Protein backbone atom coordinates (compact mmCIF):
# COMPACT_ATOMS: atom_id res chain seq x y z
CA MET A 1 -16.57 -7.72 154.83
CA ARG A 2 -18.61 -4.35 154.21
CA GLY A 3 -21.49 -4.41 151.94
CA ILE A 4 -25.09 -3.10 151.03
CA ARG A 5 -28.26 -5.20 152.62
CA LEU A 6 -30.85 -4.90 149.96
CA GLY A 7 -34.20 -6.42 150.78
CA PRO A 8 -37.89 -5.95 149.85
CA SER A 9 -38.31 -3.39 153.05
CA SER A 10 -35.19 -1.23 151.83
CA ALA A 11 -35.93 1.56 149.41
CA ALA A 12 -33.01 0.52 147.16
CA GLY A 13 -34.05 -3.18 147.48
CA LYS A 14 -37.35 -1.92 146.21
CA ALA A 15 -36.38 0.02 143.36
CA VAL A 16 -33.85 -2.27 142.28
CA SER A 17 -36.05 -5.30 142.62
CA ALA A 18 -38.56 -3.69 140.49
CA SER A 19 -36.59 -2.72 137.66
CA VAL A 20 -34.60 -5.89 137.35
CA ALA A 21 -36.14 -8.69 139.42
CA GLY A 22 -34.56 -11.97 137.96
CA LEU A 23 -32.09 -10.44 136.05
CA ARG A 24 -29.49 -9.80 138.04
CA PRO A 25 -28.15 -11.30 141.20
CA TRP A 26 -28.47 -8.96 144.03
CA ALA A 27 -31.85 -8.04 142.64
CA ILE A 28 -33.89 -10.85 143.41
CA ALA A 29 -37.30 -9.85 144.48
CA GLY A 30 -38.09 -11.06 148.26
CA THR A 31 -34.34 -11.86 149.28
CA THR A 32 -31.60 -10.20 151.13
CA THR A 33 -28.28 -10.52 149.43
CA LEU A 34 -25.09 -9.52 150.79
CA ILE A 35 -22.73 -7.56 148.43
CA ALA A 36 -18.91 -8.09 149.24
CA VAL A 37 -18.08 -5.13 146.67
CA ASN A 38 -19.46 -2.30 148.36
CA LEU A 39 -21.37 -0.48 145.37
CA ASP A 40 -24.26 1.64 145.03
CA PRO A 41 -27.20 -0.78 143.50
CA MET A 42 -28.20 2.18 141.17
CA LEU A 43 -24.77 2.66 139.85
CA LEU A 44 -24.52 -1.33 139.16
CA GLU A 45 -27.95 -0.59 137.23
CA LEU A 46 -26.16 2.06 135.08
CA LEU A 47 -23.28 0.30 134.43
CA VAL A 48 -22.53 -1.99 131.22
CA CYS A 49 -19.32 -3.45 129.76
CA PRO A 50 -17.36 -0.73 127.87
CA ASN A 51 -16.55 -3.74 125.32
CA ASP A 52 -19.80 -5.02 124.23
CA HIS A 53 -22.35 -3.11 126.31
CA ALA A 54 -23.87 -6.24 127.86
CA ALA A 55 -24.79 -6.63 131.48
CA LEU A 56 -22.53 -7.17 134.19
CA THR A 57 -23.07 -9.30 137.17
CA VAL A 58 -20.98 -9.18 140.43
CA ASN A 59 -18.53 -11.63 141.40
CA GLU A 60 -17.94 -11.25 144.83
CA THR A 61 -15.37 -13.78 145.47
CA GLU A 62 -12.91 -12.45 142.83
CA GLN A 63 -14.34 -8.73 143.57
CA THR A 64 -15.01 -7.64 139.94
CA LEU A 65 -17.90 -7.29 137.92
CA ASP A 66 -18.19 -9.81 135.16
CA CYS A 67 -19.56 -9.27 131.70
CA THR A 68 -22.45 -11.75 130.42
CA GLY A 69 -21.70 -10.90 126.78
CA CYS A 70 -17.99 -11.37 126.09
CA GLY A 71 -16.67 -12.68 129.35
CA TYR A 72 -14.51 -9.64 130.50
CA ARG A 73 -13.76 -9.46 134.20
CA TYR A 74 -13.56 -5.96 135.49
CA PRO A 75 -11.78 -4.88 138.80
CA VAL A 76 -13.41 -3.44 141.67
CA ARG A 77 -10.65 -1.48 143.76
CA ASP A 78 -11.29 0.21 147.05
CA ASP A 79 -15.16 0.26 145.98
CA ILE A 80 -14.41 2.13 142.57
CA PRO A 81 -15.12 -0.36 139.52
CA VAL A 82 -12.58 -0.16 137.06
CA MET A 83 -14.17 -0.18 133.81
CA LEU A 84 -11.25 0.17 131.56
CA LEU A 85 -10.61 -2.33 128.79
CA ASP A 86 -6.93 -2.24 129.40
CA GLU A 87 -7.52 -3.15 132.81
CA ALA A 88 -10.10 -5.89 132.23
CA ILE A 89 -9.26 -9.50 133.03
CA LYS A 90 -9.83 -11.44 129.40
CA PRO A 91 -11.39 -14.47 129.24
CA ALA A 92 -8.83 -17.45 128.53
CA GLY A 93 -8.44 -17.84 124.32
CA SER A 94 -9.20 -14.00 123.67
CA SER A 95 -6.44 -11.60 122.58
């Protein structure tokens, strides 16, 4: 699988680690994380859930961006996040 390597020595890794260290799984300071969904780290910082504007986390296994608030899961297709409410995978029990 393709991915972006973020580490303390890369410019993107330093920028992301400095801005959100400890908040996002791909930006933990001092680590190297392979992102299975090949998205620009700066784009990941800008994206929020269109439903409730909460932060998103990367779900590498399911190839989705998961909302930390409402639980909606947004698919990533061909390295493009589909941030449409109609396309979101809703959590069980929601309408």
